Amino acid sequence: MKPAYQVLKTIRMTEKSNLQSSELGQYTFEVFPEATKQHIRTAVESTFKVTVKRVNVVNVKGKPKRARNGQPTTRSDYKKAIVTLKQGDKIELT
């Protein structure tokens, strides 16, 4: 098994993810591209001492942008995981 620091990058804090965490018990993480659902489950359970009910994974394609000088660039692709916790479990975000 991989250690948690090789699976989880950051927790994503957006309006949608804040709503999901408060109402549905779902937390969104940015993960490394080679991470699997099983790796993500064990990393979240061991790091935050919670019980994971379900893991959904999404590969997000980078959006096209323009630099200051007008040159077209692309934001980086990344993988995100939406983790659903058991009823009553919470991750304290400070």
PDB file of N, CA and C in Angstrom:
ATOM      1  N   MET A   1       0.833  -1.194   0.000  1.00  0.00           N
ATOM      2  CA  MET A   1       0.000   0.000   0.000  1.00  0.00           C
ATOM      3  C   MET A   1       0.870   1.246   0.000  1.00  0.00           C
ATOM      4  N   LYS A   2       0.372   2.274  -0.643  1.00  0.00           N
ATOM      5  CA  LYS A   2       1.092   3.536  -0.690  1.00  0.00           C
ATOM      6  C   LYS A   2       0.788   4.360   0.562  1.00  0.00           C
ATOM      7  N   PRO A   3       1.777   5.122   1.050  1.00  0.00           N
ATOM      8  CA  PRO A   3       1.490   6.033   2.167  1.00  0.00           C
ATOM      9  C   PRO A   3       0.602   7.192   1.707  1.00  0.00           C
ATOM     10  N   ALA A   4      -0.063   7.826   2.662  1.00  0.00           N
ATOM     11  CA  ALA A   4      -1.049   8.863   2.340  1.00  0.00           C
ATOM     12  C   ALA A   4      -0.444  10.039   1.586  1.00  0.00           C
ATOM     13  N   TYR A   5       0.810  10.392   1.886  1.00  0.00           N
ATOM     14  CA  TYR A   5       1.412  11.543   1.204  1.00  0.00           C
ATOM     15  C   TYR A   5       1.719  11.264  -0.261  1.00  0.00           C
ATOM     16  N   GLN A   6       1.671  10.006  -0.690  1.00  0.00           N
ATOM     17  CA  GLN A   6       1.841   9.669  -2.097  1.00  0.00           C
ATOM     18  C   GLN A   6       0.507   9.493  -2.803  1.00  0.00           C
ATOM     19  N   VAL A   7      -0.599   9.694  -2.089  1.00  0.00           N
ATOM     20  CA  VAL A   7      -1.938   9.540  -2.678  1.00  0.00           C
ATOM     21  C   VAL A   7      -2.665  10.879  -2.693  1.00  0.00           C
ATOM     22  N   LEU A   8      -2.772  11.527  -1.535  1.00  0.00           N
ATOM     23  CA  LEU A   8      -3.521  12.780  -1.397  1.00  0.00           C
ATOM     24  C   LEU A   8      -2.605  13.977  -1.612  1.00  0.00           C
ATOM     25  N   LYS A   9      -3.039  14.921  -2.462  1.00  0.00           N
ATOM     26  CA  LYS A   9      -2.295  16.168  -2.643  1.00  0.00           C
ATOM     27  C   LYS A   9      -2.875  17.245  -1.727  1.00  0.00           C
ATOM     28  N   THR A  10      -4.110  17.666  -2.015  1.00  0.00           N
ATOM     29  CA  THR A  10      -4.751  18.728  -1.232  1.00  0.00           C
ATOM     30  C   THR A  10      -6.242  18.443  -1.137  1.00  0.00           C
ATOM     31  N   ILE A  11      -6.893  19.180  -0.255  1.00  0.00           N
ATOM     32  CA  ILE A  11      -8.349  19.130  -0.195  1.00  0.00           C
ATOM     33  C   ILE A  11      -8.856  20.327  -0.993  1.00  0.00           C
ATOM     34  N   ARG A  12      -9.862  20.115  -1.831  1.00  0.00           N
ATOM     35  CA  ARG A  12     -10.383  21.180  -2.696  1.00  0.00           C
ATOM     36  C   ARG A  12     -11.466  21.949  -1.958  1.00  0.00           C
ATOM     37  N   MET A  13     -11.274  23.249  -1.820  1.00  0.00           N
ATOM     38  CA  MET A  13     -12.240  24.104  -1.128  1.00  0.00           C
ATOM     39  C   MET A  13     -12.919  25.020  -2.149  1.00  0.00           C
ATOM     40  N   THR A  14     -14.102  24.626  -2.598  1.00  0.00           N
ATOM     41  CA  THR A  14     -14.889  25.443  -3.506  1.00  0.00           C
ATOM     42  C   THR A  14     -16.288  25.578  -2.913  1.00  0.00           C
ATOM     43  N   GLU A  15     -17.104  26.403  -3.506  1.00  0.00           N
ATOM     44  CA  GLU A  15     -18.480  26.556  -3.016  1.00  0.00           C
ATOM     45  C   GLU A  15     -19.220  25.225  -3.082  1.00  0.00           C
ATOM     46  N   LYS A  16     -19.053  24.512  -4.180  1.00  0.00           N
ATOM     47  CA  LYS A  16     -19.744  23.238  -4.339  1.00  0.00           C
ATOM     48  C   LYS A  16     -19.241  22.218  -3.321  1.00  0.00           C
ATOM     49  N   SER A  17     -17.931  22.123  -3.132  1.00  0.00           N
ATOM     50  CA  SER A  17     -17.397  21.133  -2.192  1.00  0.00           C
ATOM     51  C   SER A  17     -17.767  21.479  -0.747  1.00  0.00           C
ATOM     52  N   ASN A  18     -17.836  22.769  -0.407  1.00  0.00           N
ATOM     53  CA  ASN A  18     -18.274  23.160   0.942  1.00  0.00           C
ATOM     54  C   ASN A  18     -19.723  22.763   1.183  1.00  0.00           C
ATOM     55  N   LEU A  19     -20.569  22.932   0.187  1.00  0.00           N
ATOM     56  CA  LEU A  19     -21.974  22.538   0.298  1.00  0.00           C
ATOM     57  C   LEU A  19     -22.095  21.022   0.445  1.00  0.00           C
ATOM     58  N   GLN A  20     -21.321  20.283  -0.343  1.00  0.00           N
ATOM     59  CA  GLN A  20     -21.358  18.820  -0.265  1.00  0.00           C
ATOM     60  C   GLN A  20     -20.882  18.329   1.102  1.00  0.00           C
ATOM     61  N   SER A  21     -19.865  18.951   1.650  1.00  0.00           N
ATOM     62  CA  SER A  21     -19.347  18.484   2.933  1.00  0.00           C
ATOM     63  C   SER A  21     -20.320  18.778   4.063  1.00  0.00           C
ATOM     64  N   SER A  22     -20.991  19.919   4.010  1.00  0.00           N
ATOM     65  CA  SER A  22     -21.901  20.264   5.102  1.00  0.00           C
ATOM     66  C   SER A  22     -23.225  19.499   5.020  1.00  0.00           C
ATOM     67  N   GLU A  23     -23.731  19.246   3.822  1.00  0.00           N
ATOM     68  CA  GLU A  23     -25.046  18.620   3.685  1.00  0.00           C
ATOM     69  C   GLU A  23     -24.998  17.117   3.420  1.00  0.00           C
ATOM     70  N   LEU A  24     -23.995  16.655   2.668  1.00  0.00           N
ATOM     71  CA  LEU A  24     -23.973  15.262   2.231  1.00  0.00           C
ATOM     72  C   LEU A  24     -22.858  14.426   2.859  1.00  0.00           C
ATOM     73  N   GLY A  25     -21.930  15.064   3.566  1.00  0.00           N
ATOM     74  CA  GLY A  25     -20.804  14.326   4.132  1.00  0.00           C
ATOM     75  C   GLY A  25     -19.808  13.879   3.087  1.00  0.00           C
ATOM     76  N   GLN A  26     -19.669  14.664   1.998  1.00  0.00           N
ATOM     77  CA  GLN A  26     -18.729  14.341   0.930  1.00  0.00           C
ATOM     78  C   GLN A  26     -17.601  15.363   0.929  1.00  0.00           C
ATOM     79  N   TYR A  27     -16.375  14.888   0.789  1.00  0.00           N
ATOM     80  CA  TYR A  27     -15.202  15.749   0.777  1.00  0.00           C
ATOM     81  C   TYR A  27     -14.442  15.529  -0.516  1.00  0.00           C
ATOM     82  N   THR A  28     -13.908  16.614  -1.096  1.00  0.00           N
ATOM     83  CA  THR A  28     -13.228  16.556  -2.375  1.00  0.00           C
ATOM     84  C   THR A  28     -11.732  16.735  -2.174  1.00  0.00           C
ATOM     85  N   PHE A  29     -10.944  15.814  -2.721  1.00  0.00           N
ATOM     86  CA  PHE A  29      -9.495  15.853  -2.622  1.00  0.00           C
ATOM     87  C   PHE A  29      -8.892  15.864  -4.013  1.00  0.00           C
ATOM     88  N   GLU A  30      -7.767  16.562  -4.164  1.00  0.00           N
ATOM     89  CA  GLU A  30      -6.967  16.422  -5.368  1.00  0.00           C
ATOM     90  C   GLU A  30      -5.956  15.328  -5.074  1.00  0.00           C
ATOM     91  N   VAL A  31      -5.849  14.357  -5.966  1.00  0.00           N
ATOM     92  CA  VAL A  31      -4.999  13.192  -5.733  1.00  0.00           C
ATOM     93  C   VAL A  31      -3.999  13.038  -6.880  1.00  0.00           C
ATOM     94  N   PHE A  32      -2.981  12.222  -6.654  1.00  0.00           N
ATOM     95  CA  PHE A  32      -2.001  11.949  -7.690  1.00  0.00           C
ATOM     96  C   PHE A  32      -2.637  11.090  -8.780  1.00  0.00           C
ATOM     97  N   PRO A  33      -2.195  11.256 -10.048  1.00  0.00           N
ATOM     98  CA  PRO A  33      -2.847  10.554 -11.165  1.00  0.00           C
ATOM     99  C   PRO A  33      -2.831   9.033 -11.064  1.00  0.00           C
ATOM    100  N   GLU A  34      -1.824   8.452 -10.401  1.00  0.00           N
ATOM    101  CA  GLU A  34      -1.750   6.984 -10.335  1.00  0.00           C
ATOM    102  C   GLU A  34      -2.527   6.401  -9.157  1.00  0.00           C
ATOM    103  N   ALA A  35      -3.193   7.243  -8.359  1.00  0.00           N
ATOM    104  CA  ALA A  35      -3.949   6.770  -7.199  1.00  0.00           C
ATOM    105  C   ALA A  35      -5.224   6.050  -7.635  1.00  0.00           C
ATOM    106  N   THR A  36      -5.525   4.940  -6.970  1.00  0.00           N
ATOM    107  CA  THR A  36      -6.746   4.186  -7.255  1.00  0.00           C
ATOM    108  C   THR A  36      -7.762   4.449  -6.145  1.00  0.00           C
ATOM    109  N   LYS A  37      -8.981   3.956  -6.332  1.00  0.00           N
ATOM    110  CA  LYS A  37     -10.018   4.138  -5.315  1.00  0.00           C
ATOM    111  C   LYS A  37      -9.617   3.479  -3.997  1.00  0.00           C
ATOM    112  N   GLN A  38      -8.999   2.310  -4.065  1.00  0.00           N
ATOM    113  CA  GLN A  38      -8.573   1.622  -2.848  1.00  0.00           C
ATOM    114  C   GLN A  38      -7.475   2.402  -2.129  1.00  0.00           C
ATOM    115  N   HIS A  39      -6.516   2.961  -2.890  1.00  0.00           N
ATOM    116  CA  HIS A  39      -5.464   3.783  -2.287  1.00  0.00           C
ATOM    117  C   HIS A  39      -6.067   5.004  -1.593  1.00  0.00           C
ATOM    118  N   ILE A  40      -7.021   5.649  -2.253  1.00  0.00           N
ATOM    119  CA  ILE A  40      -7.637   6.859  -1.699  1.00  0.00           C
ATOM    120  C   ILE A  40      -8.413   6.512  -0.431  1.00  0.00           C
ATOM    121  N   ARG A  41      -9.152   5.420  -0.452  1.00  0.00           N
ATOM    122  CA  ARG A  41      -9.934   4.991   0.720  1.00  0.00           C
ATOM    123  C   ARG A  41      -9.020   4.788   1.925  1.00  0.00           C
ATOM    124  N   THR A  42      -7.953   4.023   1.768  1.00  0.00           N
ATOM    125  CA  THR A  42      -7.070   3.740   2.902  1.00  0.00           C
ATOM    126  C   THR A  42      -6.336   4.994   3.363  1.00  0.00           C
ATOM    127  N   ALA A  43      -5.958   5.876   2.438  1.00  0.00           N
ATOM    128  CA  ALA A  43      -5.254   7.103   2.816  1.00  0.00           C
ATOM    129  C   ALA A  43      -6.152   8.022   3.641  1.00  0.00           C
ATOM    130  N   VAL A  44      -7.413   8.199   3.234  1.00  0.00           N
ATOM    131  CA  VAL A  44      -8.332   9.065   3.970  1.00  0.00           C
ATOM    132  C   VAL A  44      -8.662   8.453   5.327  1.00  0.00           C
ATOM    133  N   GLU A  45      -8.912   7.156   5.373  1.00  0.00           N
ATOM    134  CA  GLU A  45      -9.253   6.507   6.641  1.00  0.00           C
ATOM    135  C   GLU A  45      -8.101   6.580   7.637  1.00  0.00           C
ATOM    136  N   SER A  46      -6.866   6.374   7.169  1.00  0.00           N
ATOM    137  CA  SER A  46      -5.735   6.393   8.095  1.00  0.00           C
ATOM    138  C   SER A  46      -5.359   7.818   8.501  1.00  0.00           C
ATOM    139  N   THR A  47      -5.505   8.788   7.602  1.00  0.00           N
ATOM    140  CA  THR A  47      -5.111  10.161   7.912  1.00  0.00           C
ATOM    141  C   THR A  47      -6.108  10.844   8.840  1.00  0.00           C
ATOM    142  N   PHE A  48      -7.403  10.712   8.554  1.00  0.00           N
ATOM    143  CA  PHE A  48      -8.420  11.470   9.286  1.00  0.00           C
ATOM    144  C   PHE A  48      -9.196  10.637  10.299  1.00  0.00           C
ATOM    145  N   LYS A  49      -8.915   9.329  10.418  1.00  0.00           N
ATOM    146  CA  LYS A  49      -9.581   8.441  11.389  1.00  0.00           C
ATOM    147  C   LYS A  49     -11.100   8.457  11.225  1.00  0.00           C
ATOM    148  N   VAL A  50     -11.554   8.264   9.982  1.00  0.00           N
ATOM    149  CA  VAL A  50     -12.981   8.213   9.655  1.00  0.00           C
ATOM    150  C   VAL A  50     -13.254   6.935   8.873  1.00  0.00           C
ATOM    151  N   THR A  51     -14.525   6.633   8.643  1.00  0.00           N
ATOM    152  CA  THR A  51     -14.925   5.478   7.841  1.00  0.00           C
ATOM    153  C   THR A  51     -15.444   5.967   6.502  1.00  0.00           C
ATOM    154  N   VAL A  52     -14.833   5.486   5.417  1.00  0.00           N
ATOM    155  CA  VAL A  52     -15.220   5.888   4.063  1.00  0.00           C
ATOM    156  C   VAL A  52     -16.281   4.933   3.542  1.00  0.00           C
ATOM    157  N   LYS A  53     -17.377   5.516   3.057  1.00  0.00           N
ATOM    158  CA  LYS A  53     -18.470   4.715   2.507  1.00  0.00           C
ATOM    159  C   LYS A  53     -18.297   4.503   1.002  1.00  0.00           C
ATOM    160  N   ARG A  54     -17.871   5.560   0.283  1.00  0.00           N
ATOM    161  CA  ARG A  54     -17.766   5.472  -1.178  1.00  0.00           C
ATOM    162  C   ARG A  54     -16.703   6.448  -1.681  1.00  0.00           C
ATOM    163  N   VAL A  55     -16.061   6.092  -2.785  1.00  0.00           N
ATOM    164  CA  VAL A  55     -15.069   6.961  -3.423  1.00  0.00           C
ATOM    165  C   VAL A  55     -15.412   7.078  -4.899  1.00  0.00           C
ATOM    166  N   ASN A  56     -15.590   8.302  -5.378  1.00  0.00           N
ATOM    167  CA  ASN A  56     -15.783   8.573  -6.800  1.00  0.00           C
ATOM    168  C   ASN A  56     -14.556   9.326  -7.297  1.00  0.00           C
ATOM    169  N   VAL A  57     -14.078   8.990  -8.504  1.00  0.00           N
ATOM    170  CA  VAL A  57     -12.867   9.590  -9.051  1.00  0.00           C
ATOM    171  C   VAL A  57     -13.190  10.244 -10.386  1.00  0.00           C
ATOM    172  N   VAL A  58     -12.634  11.465 -10.596  1.00  0.00           N
ATOM    173  CA  VAL A  58     -12.863  12.217 -11.830  1.00  0.00           C
ATOM    174  C   VAL A  58     -11.516  12.707 -12.345  1.00  0.00           C
ATOM    175  N   ASN A  59     -11.226  12.456 -13.628  1.00  0.00           N
ATOM    176  CA  ASN A  59     -10.055  13.042 -14.268  1.00  0.00           C
ATOM    177  C   ASN A  59     -10.491  14.356 -14.907  1.00  0.00           C
ATOM    178  N   VAL A  60      -9.931  15.467 -14.434  1.00  0.00           N
ATOM    179  CA  VAL A  60     -10.331  16.798 -14.895  1.00  0.00           C
ATOM    180  C   VAL A  60      -9.318  17.285 -15.918  1.00  0.00           C
ATOM    181  N   LYS A  61      -9.809  17.655 -17.093  1.00  0.00           N
ATOM    182  CA  LYS A  61      -8.932  18.157 -18.150  1.00  0.00           C
ATOM    183  C   LYS A  61      -8.704  19.647 -17.947  1.00  0.00           C
ATOM    184  N   GLY A  62      -7.474  20.099 -18.136  1.00  0.00           N
ATOM    185  CA  GLY A  62      -7.125  21.507 -17.965  1.00  0.00           C
ATOM    186  C   GLY A  62      -7.812  22.396 -18.990  1.00  0.00           C
ATOM    187  N   LYS A  63      -8.225  23.582 -18.556  1.00  0.00           N
ATOM    188  CA  LYS A  63      -8.921  24.511 -19.446  1.00  0.00           C
ATOM    189  C   LYS A  63      -7.922  25.334 -20.255  1.00  0.00           C
ATOM    190  N   PRO A  64      -8.288  25.698 -21.478  1.00  0.00           N
ATOM    191  CA  PRO A  64      -7.411  26.581 -22.248  1.00  0.00           C
ATOM    192  C   PRO A  64      -7.492  28.008 -21.706  1.00  0.00           C
ATOM    193  N   LYS A  65      -6.340  28.639 -21.585  1.00  0.00           N
ATOM    194  CA  LYS A  65      -6.252  30.016 -21.091  1.00  0.00           C
ATOM    195  C   LYS A  65      -5.338  30.801 -22.013  1.00  0.00           C
ATOM    196  N   ARG A  66      -5.249  32.106 -21.776  1.00  0.00           N
ATOM    197  CA  ARG A  66      -4.322  32.954 -22.509  1.00  0.00           C
ATOM    198  C   ARG A  66      -3.382  33.624 -21.516  1.00  0.00           C
ATOM    199  N   ALA A  67      -2.115  33.679 -21.873  1.00  0.00           N
ATOM    200  CA  ALA A  67      -1.124  34.337 -21.028  1.00  0.00           C
ATOM    201  C   ALA A  67      -1.221  35.851 -21.228  1.00  0.00           C
ATOM    202  N   ARG A  68      -0.408  36.594 -20.482  1.00  0.00           N
ATOM    203  CA  ARG A  68      -0.423  38.067 -20.591  1.00  0.00           C
ATOM    204  C   ARG A  68      -0.151  38.554 -21.999  1.00  0.00           C
ATOM    205  N   ASN A  69       0.800  37.906 -22.647  1.00  0.00           N
ATOM    206  CA  ASN A  69       1.183  38.354 -23.989  1.00  0.00           C
ATOM    207  C   ASN A  69       0.265  37.803 -25.077  1.00  0.00           C
ATOM    208  N   GLY A  70      -0.808  37.140 -24.715  1.00  0.00           N
ATOM    209  CA  GLY A  70      -1.768  36.639 -25.688  1.00  0.00           C
ATOM    210  C   GLY A  70      -1.503  35.229 -26.157  1.00  0.00           C
ATOM    211  N   GLN A  71      -0.422  34.618 -25.694  1.00  0.00           N
ATOM    212  CA  GLN A  71      -0.094  33.262 -26.106  1.00  0.00           C
ATOM    213  C   GLN A  71      -1.079  32.276 -25.477  1.00  0.00           C
ATOM    214  N   PRO A  72      -1.618  31.352 -26.258  1.00  0.00           N
ATOM    215  CA  PRO A  72      -2.526  30.355 -25.677  1.00  0.00           C
ATOM    216  C   PRO A  72      -1.753  29.350 -24.823  1.00  0.00           C
ATOM    217  N   THR A  73      -2.270  29.077 -23.642  1.00  0.00           N
ATOM    218  CA  THR A  73      -1.702  28.077 -22.754  1.00  0.00           C
ATOM    219  C   THR A  73      -2.830  27.189 -22.248  1.00  0.00           C
ATOM    220  N   THR A  74      -2.480  26.151 -21.509  1.00  0.00           N
ATOM    221  CA  THR A  74      -3.470  25.246 -20.955  1.00  0.00           C
ATOM    222  C   THR A  74      -3.167  25.012 -19.493  1.00  0.00           C
ATOM    223  N   ARG A  75      -4.188  25.039 -18.655  1.00  0.00           N
ATOM    224  CA  ARG A  75      -3.997  24.683 -17.258  1.00  0.00           C
ATOM    225  C   ARG A  75      -3.716  23.186 -17.153  1.00  0.00           C
ATOM    226  N   SER A  76      -3.119  22.790 -16.051  1.00  0.00           N
ATOM    227  CA  SER A  76      -2.738  21.396 -15.871  1.00  0.00           C
ATOM    228  C   SER A  76      -3.955  20.499 -15.692  1.00  0.00           C
ATOM    229  N   ASP A  77      -3.855  19.281 -16.191  1.00  0.00           N
ATOM    230  CA  ASP A  77      -4.858  18.252 -15.919  1.00  0.00           C
ATOM    231  C   ASP A  77      -4.643  17.767 -14.487  1.00  0.00           C
ATOM    232  N   TYR A  78      -5.702  17.320 -13.835  1.00  0.00           N
ATOM    233  CA  TYR A  78      -5.556  16.754 -12.501  1.00  0.00           C
ATOM    234  C   TYR A  78      -6.652  15.736 -12.251  1.00  0.00           C
ATOM    235  N   LYS A  79      -6.472  14.964 -11.189  1.00  0.00           N
ATOM    236  CA  LYS A  79      -7.427  13.936 -10.808  1.00  0.00           C
ATOM    237  C   LYS A  79      -8.010  14.329  -9.459  1.00  0.00           C
ATOM    238  N   LYS A  80      -9.323  14.251  -9.331  1.00  0.00           N
ATOM    239  CA  LYS A  80      -9.931  14.551  -8.049  1.00  0.00           C
ATOM    240  C   LYS A  80     -10.793  13.390  -7.585  1.00  0.00           C
ATOM    241  N   ALA A  81     -10.887  13.271  -6.266  1.00  0.00           N
ATOM    242  CA  ALA A  81     -11.654  12.193  -5.661  1.00  0.00           C
ATOM    243  C   ALA A  81     -12.702  12.804  -4.755  1.00  0.00           C
ATOM    244  N   ILE A  82     -13.946  12.348  -4.880  1.00  0.00           N
ATOM    245  CA  ILE A  82     -15.031  12.761  -4.002  1.00  0.00           C
ATOM    246  C   ILE A  82     -15.300  11.596  -3.066  1.00  0.00           C
ATOM    247  N   VAL A  83     -15.027  11.822  -1.780  1.00  0.00           N
ATOM    248  CA  VAL A  83     -15.086  10.765  -0.771  1.00  0.00           C
ATOM    249  C   VAL A  83     -16.328  10.966   0.084  1.00  0.00           C
ATOM    250  N   THR A  84     -17.199   9.955   0.156  1.00  0.00           N
ATOM    251  CA  THR A  84     -18.391   9.992   0.995  1.00  0.00           C
ATOM    252  C   THR A  84     -18.078   9.250   2.287  1.00  0.00           C
ATOM    253  N   LEU A  85     -18.341   9.912   3.419  1.00  0.00           N
ATOM    254  CA  LEU A  85     -18.065   9.327   4.725  1.00  0.00           C
ATOM    255  C   LEU A  85     -19.317   8.699   5.316  1.00  0.00           C
ATOM    256  N   LYS A  86     -19.097   7.823   6.287  1.00  0.00           N
ATOM    257  CA  LYS A  86     -20.202   7.196   7.012  1.00  0.00           C
ATOM    258  C   LYS A  86     -20.989   8.277   7.743  1.00  0.00           C
ATOM    259  N   GLN A  87     -22.284   8.075   7.901  1.00  0.00           N
ATOM    260  CA  GLN A  87     -23.162   9.024   8.592  1.00  0.00           C
ATOM    261  C   GLN A  87     -22.599   9.351   9.976  1.00  0.00           C
ATOM    262  N   GLY A  88     -22.436  10.634  10.265  1.00  0.00           N
ATOM    263  CA  GLY A  88     -21.940  11.054  11.570  1.00  0.00           C
ATOM    264  C   GLY A  88     -20.452  11.349  11.601  1.00  0.00           C
ATOM    265  N   ASP A  89     -19.672  10.853  10.632  1.00  0.00           N
ATOM    266  CA  ASP A  89     -18.239  11.141  10.582  1.00  0.00           C
ATOM    267  C   ASP A  89     -18.017  12.508   9.940  1.00  0.00           C
ATOM    268  N   LYS A  90     -16.974  13.217  10.404  1.00  0.00           N
ATOM    269  CA  LYS A  90     -16.634  14.526   9.863  1.00  0.00           C
ATOM    270  C   LYS A  90     -15.133  14.662   9.792  1.00  0.00           C
ATOM    271  N   ILE A  91     -14.671  15.480   8.844  1.00  0.00           N
ATOM    272  CA  ILE A  91     -13.262  15.862   8.776  1.00  0.00           C
ATOM    273  C   ILE A  91     -13.198  17.317   9.198  1.00  0.00           C
ATOM    274  N   GLU A  92     -12.425  17.617  10.235  1.00  0.00           N
ATOM    275  CA  GLU A  92     -12.306  18.990  10.716  1.00  0.00           C
ATOM    276  C   GLU A  92     -11.298  19.737   9.845  1.00  0.00           C
ATOM    277  N   LEU A  93     -11.774  20.781   9.167  1.00  0.00           N
ATOM    278  CA  LEU A  93     -10.931  21.602   8.304  1.00  0.00           C
ATOM    279  C   LEU A  93     -10.642  22.917   9.019  1.00  0.00           C
ATOM    280  N   THR A  94      -9.355  23.163   9.264  1.00  0.00           N
ATOM    281  CA  THR A  94      -8.987  24.425   9.931  1.00  0.00           C
ATOM    282  C   THR A  94      -8.081  25.256   9.087  1.00  0.00           C
TER     283      THR A  94
END
